[in-house]
Amino acid sequence: MKRLLASVGALALTAGGALAADDVTLQLKWVTQAQFAGYYVALEQGFYEEEDLNVTIKPGGPDIAPTQVIAGGGADVTVEWMPAALAAREKGLPLVNIAQPFKSSGMMLTCLKETGITSPEDFKGRTLGVWFFGNEFPFLSWMSTLGIPTEGGDAGVEVLKQGFNVDPLLQKQADCISTMTYNEYWQVIDAGISADDLVTFKYEDQGVATLEDGLYVLEDRLADPAFEDKMVRFVRASMKGWKWAEENPEDAAMIVLDYDETGAQTETHQKRMMGEIAKLTAGSNGTLDPADYERTVATLLAGGSDPVISAAPEGAWTHQITDKALN
């Protein structure tokens, strides 16, 4: 079905006849999974076709940096976390957030209850698994706020550079590891550890959450009326896909599975993931809330001795697209 839609989506019927649809290439932050369900739903349900768009979705992976892809012209728009986008902007890549489908953060630390950790104060003297590549800054900001050094010792924490897996917890190399509410946490559960044997600390609850999974484009392209028009249609169709996915999580998960050419995903995991993702997109119509942006910037600026950004950015987001797409 998806191949049929992709073919049909290449043409749009107009009063003047059949004209080629406008091409848009979307680069995902990670592999094909329910984290990106709204885009696959929009493709499968024909929402992009209705907007006269021919959308190509490019999965990400451990060796793919979305910021590098868009910088090299390999995508028109990319899904990225705001810390990575703002870091890239400060280094000279002028990324701009044009829409924010995710309202809440799914990031958290997951600890074994047997360690005796019951509050963040108990982190002292412990080993904590932390993702890097721009994902470490909320953690560093959190520790800075708590006054806990990250260089080890009885009064600090030992930071284990964690891969994108849960092995350090399963092998008890770390007392706590980084997880997402919709993915790695459930990998721990599936490995045979009961939820009753875990303690979790959500970044949202700790006041150090940063925005995740926004849509970003290169700033200079927004000056082109034709590109702006494509992005307006793309965001409108994408948000229609996201709201459909929220209302039909199991069907959305099955659509994602249909597009997973690797066959690595399972129905159980994707349905569960979509249920959790729907909690993060709930409350957003796609328009970036300036207060959420300011909170993210404040968190990044407080990120210890080596913050992800050294000064508050200017021009890093716009309502230029969502004002036209969603109102």
Protein backbone atom coordinates (compact mmCIF):
# COMPACT_ATOMS: atom_id res chain seq x y z
CA MET A 1 0.00 0.00 0.00
CA LYS A 2 2.78 2.42 0.88
CA ARG A 3 4.44 1.96 -2.53
CA LEU A 4 1.15 2.66 -4.27
CA LEU A 5 0.66 5.85 -2.28
CA ALA A 6 4.23 6.92 -2.94
CA SER A 7 3.64 6.55 -6.65
CA VAL A 8 0.28 8.28 -6.60
CA GLY A 9 1.74 11.02 -4.37
CA ALA A 10 4.13 11.98 -7.14
CA LEU A 11 1.22 13.49 -9.08
CA ALA A 12 -1.39 16.00 -8.01
CA LEU A 13 -4.53 16.68 -10.02
CA THR A 14 -5.19 20.34 -10.69
CA ALA A 15 -7.62 22.22 -12.89
CA GLY A 16 -4.91 22.48 -15.49
CA GLY A 17 -4.12 18.76 -15.50
CA ALA A 18 -1.61 16.55 -13.71
CA LEU A 19 1.44 18.36 -12.37
CA ALA A 20 4.35 16.94 -10.43
CA ALA A 21 3.98 17.35 -6.68
CA ASP A 22 6.56 19.34 -4.73
CA ASP A 23 9.35 17.18 -3.34
CA VAL A 24 10.22 17.35 0.38
CA THR A 25 12.87 15.21 2.06
CA LEU A 26 12.59 14.66 5.82
CA GLN A 27 15.58 13.36 7.82
CA LEU A 28 14.64 11.54 11.03
CA LYS A 29 16.74 11.64 14.18
CA TRP A 30 16.69 7.87 14.63
CA VAL A 31 15.56 4.64 12.99
CA THR A 32 12.02 3.99 11.79
CA GLN A 33 9.88 3.63 14.91
CA ALA A 34 6.75 5.06 16.52
CA GLN A 35 8.76 8.07 17.71
CA PHE A 36 8.13 9.37 14.16
CA ALA A 37 4.67 7.92 13.64
CA GLY A 38 3.04 11.22 12.66
CA TYR A 39 5.14 11.49 9.50
CA TYR A 40 4.56 7.92 8.41
CA VAL A 41 0.83 8.30 9.09
CA ALA A 42 0.73 11.48 7.01
CA LEU A 43 2.42 9.61 4.18
CA GLU A 44 0.28 6.49 4.41
CA GLN A 45 -3.05 8.28 4.93
CA GLY A 46 -2.44 10.59 1.99
CA PHE A 47 -2.19 13.80 4.03
CA TYR A 48 0.96 14.84 2.18
CA GLU A 49 -0.63 13.97 -1.13
CA GLU A 50 -3.60 16.19 -0.25
CA GLU A 51 -1.12 19.05 0.17
CA ASP A 52 0.45 18.33 -3.23
CA LEU A 53 3.65 17.02 -1.66
CA ASN A 54 5.85 14.08 -2.53
CA VAL A 55 7.58 13.37 0.80
CA THR A 56 10.60 11.13 1.21
CA ILE A 57 11.33 10.04 4.78
CA LYS A 58 14.94 9.12 5.51
CA PRO A 59 15.52 7.05 8.67
CA GLY A 60 18.39 7.93 10.97
CA GLY A 61 20.73 5.69 12.91
CA PRO A 62 23.82 5.61 15.12
CA ASP A 63 26.07 6.73 12.26
CA ILE A 64 23.75 9.45 10.92
CA ALA A 65 23.85 13.01 12.26
CA PRO A 66 20.70 14.86 11.13
CA THR A 67 22.45 18.23 11.38
CA GLN A 68 25.18 17.06 9.00
CA VAL A 69 22.62 15.66 6.56
CA ILE A 70 20.70 18.91 6.29
CA ALA A 71 23.92 20.94 6.18
CA GLY A 72 25.05 18.88 3.21
CA GLY A 73 21.78 19.35 1.33
CA GLY A 74 20.58 15.80 1.94
CA ALA A 75 17.28 16.93 3.47
CA ASP A 76 14.92 19.92 3.42
CA VAL A 77 13.79 19.48 7.01
CA THR A 78 15.02 17.38 9.91
CA VAL A 79 13.75 16.05 13.22
CA GLU A 80 16.19 17.04 15.96
CA TRP A 81 16.39 17.68 19.69
CA MET A 82 16.77 21.34 20.54
CA PRO A 83 20.10 20.99 22.42
CA ALA A 84 21.77 19.55 19.32
CA ALA A 85 20.11 22.12 17.06
CA LEU A 86 21.16 25.08 19.23
CA ALA A 87 24.68 23.72 19.56
CA ALA A 88 24.92 23.43 15.78
CA ARG A 89 23.57 26.96 15.37
CA GLU A 90 26.19 28.39 17.71
CA LYS A 91 28.87 26.60 15.69
CA GLY A 92 27.66 28.20 12.48
CA LEU A 93 24.89 25.98 11.10
CA PRO A 94 21.83 28.28 11.06
CA LEU A 95 19.10 25.82 12.02
CA VAL A 96 15.67 27.23 12.83
CA ASN A 97 12.82 25.47 14.62
CA ILE A 98 9.71 25.81 12.45
CA ALA A 99 7.40 23.50 14.43
CA GLN A 100 7.37 21.59 17.71
CA PRO A 101 5.15 18.46 17.62
CA PHE A 102 6.51 17.20 20.97
CA LYS A 103 5.26 19.17 23.98
CA SER A 104 6.93 17.09 26.70
CA SER A 105 10.24 15.31 27.22
CA GLY A 106 10.50 11.53 27.48
CA MET A 107 14.00 11.53 28.97
CA MET A 108 14.69 10.02 32.39
CA LEU A 109 17.18 8.16 34.55
CA THR A 110 16.23 4.60 35.44
CA CYS A 111 17.85 3.02 38.51
CA LEU A 112 17.82 -0.40 40.12
CA LYS A 113 15.88 -0.22 43.38
CA GLU A 114 18.40 -2.55 45.00
CA THR A 115 20.95 0.28 44.89
CA GLY A 116 18.97 2.09 47.56
CA ILE A 117 18.55 5.21 45.42
CA THR A 118 15.28 6.91 46.28
CA SER A 119 16.01 10.58 45.46
CA PRO A 120 18.52 12.60 43.43
CA GLU A 121 20.50 13.25 46.61
CA ASP A 122 21.32 9.53 46.62
CA PHE A 123 23.23 9.88 43.32
CA LYS A 124 26.37 10.93 45.21
CA GLY A 125 29.09 8.30 44.97
CA ARG A 126 27.19 6.41 42.26
CA THR A 127 27.87 5.57 38.62
CA LEU A 128 25.30 6.97 36.19
CA GLY A 129 24.98 6.09 32.51
CA VAL A 130 24.62 9.18 30.35
CA TRP A 131 24.12 9.58 26.59
CA PHE A 132 26.45 12.07 24.96
CA PHE A 133 26.32 13.61 21.43
CA GLY A 134 24.39 16.59 22.82
CA ASN A 135 22.08 14.52 25.03
CA GLU A 136 24.27 14.95 28.10
CA PHE A 137 23.57 18.62 28.71
CA PRO A 138 20.23 18.30 30.54
CA PHE A 139 21.98 15.82 32.83
CA LEU A 140 24.93 18.14 33.46
CA SER A 141 22.56 21.02 34.14
CA TRP A 142 20.63 18.88 36.59
CA MET A 143 23.76 17.87 38.48
CA SER A 144 24.94 21.51 38.50
CA THR A 145 21.62 22.57 40.01
CA LEU A 146 21.98 19.90 42.68
CA GLY A 147 25.57 20.90 43.36
CA ILE A 148 26.81 17.39 42.55
CA PRO A 149 30.18 17.22 40.73
CA THR A 150 30.45 14.90 37.72
CA GLU A 151 34.10 13.96 38.16
CA GLY A 152 33.45 11.08 40.56
CA GLY A 153 34.28 10.79 44.25
CA ASP A 154 32.07 10.26 47.28
CA ALA A 155 30.43 13.67 46.88
CA GLY A 156 30.03 13.43 43.11
CA VAL A 157 28.91 11.01 40.43
CA GLU A 158 30.92 8.87 38.06
CA VAL A 159 29.62 9.42 34.54
CA LEU A 160 29.59 6.37 32.29
CA LYS A 161 29.36 7.27 28.62
CA GLN A 162 26.41 5.10 27.72
CA GLY A 163 25.76 3.62 24.29
CA PHE A 164 22.22 3.56 22.95
CA ASN A 165 21.37 0.40 24.85
CA VAL A 166 20.56 -0.68 28.41
CA ASP A 167 23.48 -3.07 28.95
CA PRO A 168 25.17 -1.01 31.73
CA LEU A 169 22.11 -1.47 33.96
CA LEU A 170 21.56 -5.13 33.09
CA GLN A 171 25.23 -5.89 33.70
CA LYS A 172 25.26 -3.67 36.82
CA GLN A 173 28.03 -1.48 35.46
CA ALA A 174 25.93 1.54 36.41
CA ASP A 175 23.47 2.23 39.21
CA CYS A 176 21.25 4.25 36.86
CA ILE A 177 21.12 4.71 33.08
CA SER A 178 19.56 7.12 30.62
CA THR A 179 16.28 5.92 29.16
CA MET A 180 13.34 7.29 27.23
CA THR A 181 9.82 6.70 28.54
CA TYR A 182 8.87 5.19 25.20
CA ASN A 183 11.90 3.05 24.39
CA GLU A 184 14.85 2.03 26.58
CA TYR A 185 12.79 1.84 29.78
CA TRP A 186 10.74 -0.90 28.16
CA GLN A 187 13.89 -2.63 26.97
CA VAL A 188 14.82 -2.98 30.64
CA ILE A 189 11.37 -4.40 31.39
CA ASP A 190 11.59 -6.80 28.46
CA ALA A 191 14.97 -7.98 29.76
CA GLY A 192 13.14 -9.41 32.76
CA ILE A 193 13.43 -6.66 35.37
CA SER A 194 10.12 -5.80 37.00
CA ALA A 195 8.91 -2.22 37.17
CA ASP A 196 8.68 -2.76 40.95
CA ASP A 197 12.46 -3.26 40.97
CA LEU A 198 13.14 0.08 39.30
CA VAL A 199 13.17 3.72 40.37
CA THR A 200 12.79 6.39 37.69
CA PHE A 201 13.50 10.13 37.63
CA LYS A 202 11.86 11.98 34.76
CA TYR A 203 13.62 15.14 33.62
CA GLU A 204 10.21 16.82 33.31
CA ASP A 205 9.61 16.22 37.02
CA GLN A 206 13.07 17.54 37.90
CA GLY A 207 12.57 20.82 36.04
CA VAL A 208 15.50 20.24 33.67
CA ALA A 209 13.70 18.92 30.59
CA THR A 210 14.64 20.25 27.15
CA LEU A 211 12.59 20.19 23.97
CA GLU A 212 12.82 17.07 21.83
CA ASP A 213 11.80 16.12 18.28
CA GLY A 214 11.22 19.51 16.73
CA LEU A 215 11.28 20.26 13.00
CA TYR A 216 14.26 22.29 11.78
CA VAL A 217 15.28 23.89 8.48
CA LEU A 218 18.15 26.10 7.36
CA GLU A 219 17.40 29.76 8.05
CA ASP A 220 18.24 31.17 4.63
CA ARG A 221 15.75 28.87 2.93
CA LEU A 222 12.85 30.50 4.74
CA ALA A 223 13.39 33.64 2.66
CA ASP A 224 12.30 31.69 -0.44
CA PRO A 225 8.47 31.99 -0.81
CA ALA A 226 8.28 28.66 -2.64
CA PHE A 227 10.15 26.84 0.15
CA GLU A 228 8.09 28.58 2.80
CA ASP A 229 4.92 27.45 1.06
CA LYS A 230 6.17 23.85 0.94
CA MET A 231 6.96 23.92 4.66
CA VAL A 232 3.55 25.36 5.49
CA ARG A 233 1.90 22.46 3.68
CA PHE A 234 4.36 19.96 5.12
CA VAL A 235 3.77 21.06 8.73
CA ARG A 236 0.01 21.15 8.27
CA ALA A 237 -0.06 17.60 6.89
CA SER A 238 2.45 16.35 9.47
CA MET A 239 0.42 17.67 12.40
CA LYS A 240 -2.67 16.09 10.91
CA GLY A 241 -0.70 12.85 10.93
CA TRP A 242 0.35 13.33 14.53
CA LYS A 243 -3.16 13.97 15.77
CA TRP A 244 -4.41 10.94 13.83
CA ALA A 245 -1.67 8.87 15.48
CA GLU A 246 -2.67 10.14 18.93
CA GLU A 247 -6.28 9.10 18.32
CA ASN A 248 -5.40 5.78 16.67
CA PRO A 249 -2.20 4.62 18.40
CA GLU A 250 -2.40 0.95 17.52
CA ASP A 251 -3.15 1.62 13.86
CA ALA A 252 -0.36 4.19 13.78
CA ALA A 253 2.08 1.62 15.18
CA MET A 254 1.12 -0.83 12.46
CA ILE A 255 1.75 1.82 9.80
CA VAL A 256 5.22 2.38 11.25
CA LEU A 257 5.91 -1.36 11.10
CA ASP A 258 4.94 -1.39 7.44
CA TYR A 259 7.67 1.16 6.73
CA ASP A 260 10.36 -0.58 8.81
CA GLU A 261 12.40 -2.14 6.04
CA THR A 262 14.89 -3.60 8.53
CA GLY A 263 12.28 -5.79 10.20
CA ALA A 264 13.94 -4.98 13.54
CA GLN A 265 10.83 -3.63 15.25
CA THR A 266 8.14 -5.74 16.90
CA GLU A 267 4.41 -5.12 17.03
CA THR A 268 4.32 -5.26 20.83
CA HIS A 269 7.13 -2.73 21.26
CA GLN A 270 5.83 -0.32 18.63
CA LYS A 271 2.28 -0.30 19.98
CA ARG A 272 3.61 0.32 23.46
CA MET A 273 5.95 3.02 22.15
CA MET A 274 3.15 4.78 20.30
CA GLY A 275 1.07 4.86 23.47
CA GLU A 276 3.91 6.62 25.29
CA ILE A 277 4.71 8.95 22.38
CA ALA A 278 1.08 10.10 22.31
CA LYS A 279 1.57 11.41 25.85
CA LEU A 280 4.47 13.58 24.66
CA THR A 281 2.73 15.06 21.61
CA ALA A 282 -0.52 15.67 23.52
CA GLY A 283 -1.11 19.36 24.10
CA SER A 284 0.82 20.53 21.05
CA ASN A 285 -0.71 21.66 17.79
CA GLY A 286 2.79 22.02 16.37
CA THR A 287 3.39 25.63 17.42
CA LEU A 288 6.50 26.15 19.56
CA ASP A 289 5.63 27.57 22.99
CA PRO A 290 8.14 30.37 23.67
CA ALA A 291 8.08 29.51 27.38
CA ASP A 292 9.21 25.96 26.58
CA TYR A 293 11.97 27.37 24.41
CA GLU A 294 13.17 29.74 27.14
CA ARG A 295 13.17 26.90 29.66
CA THR A 296 15.29 24.80 27.31
CA VAL A 297 17.78 27.62 26.75
CA ALA A 298 18.05 28.29 30.49
CA THR A 299 18.73 24.61 31.13
CA LEU A 300 21.44 24.48 28.48
CA LEU A 301 23.13 27.64 29.69
CA ALA A 302 23.30 26.13 33.18
CA GLY A 303 25.00 22.96 31.96
CA GLY A 304 28.04 22.98 34.21
CA SER A 305 31.51 24.19 33.27
CA ASP A 306 31.06 23.31 29.60
CA PRO A 307 27.49 24.23 28.59
CA VAL A 308 26.12 23.27 25.20
CA ILE A 309 25.67 26.96 24.31
CA SER A 310 27.59 29.94 25.64
CA ALA A 311 24.91 32.59 25.08
CA ALA A 312 21.19 32.81 24.47
CA PRO A 313 20.59 32.30 20.72
CA GLU A 314 18.85 34.79 18.46
CA GLY A 315 16.55 33.77 15.63
CA ALA A 316 16.63 30.07 16.55
CA TRP A 317 12.87 29.61 16.14
CA THR A 318 10.01 31.11 14.19
CA HIS A 319 6.22 30.98 14.01
CA GLN A 320 6.46 31.94 10.34
CA ILE A 321 5.39 28.47 9.23
CA THR A 322 2.94 27.41 11.94
CA ASP A 323 1.06 30.72 11.83
CA LYS A 324 0.15 29.98 8.23
CA ALA A 325 -0.15 26.20 8.53
CA LEU A 326 -2.30 25.91 11.62
CA ASN A 327 -4.37 29.09 11.89
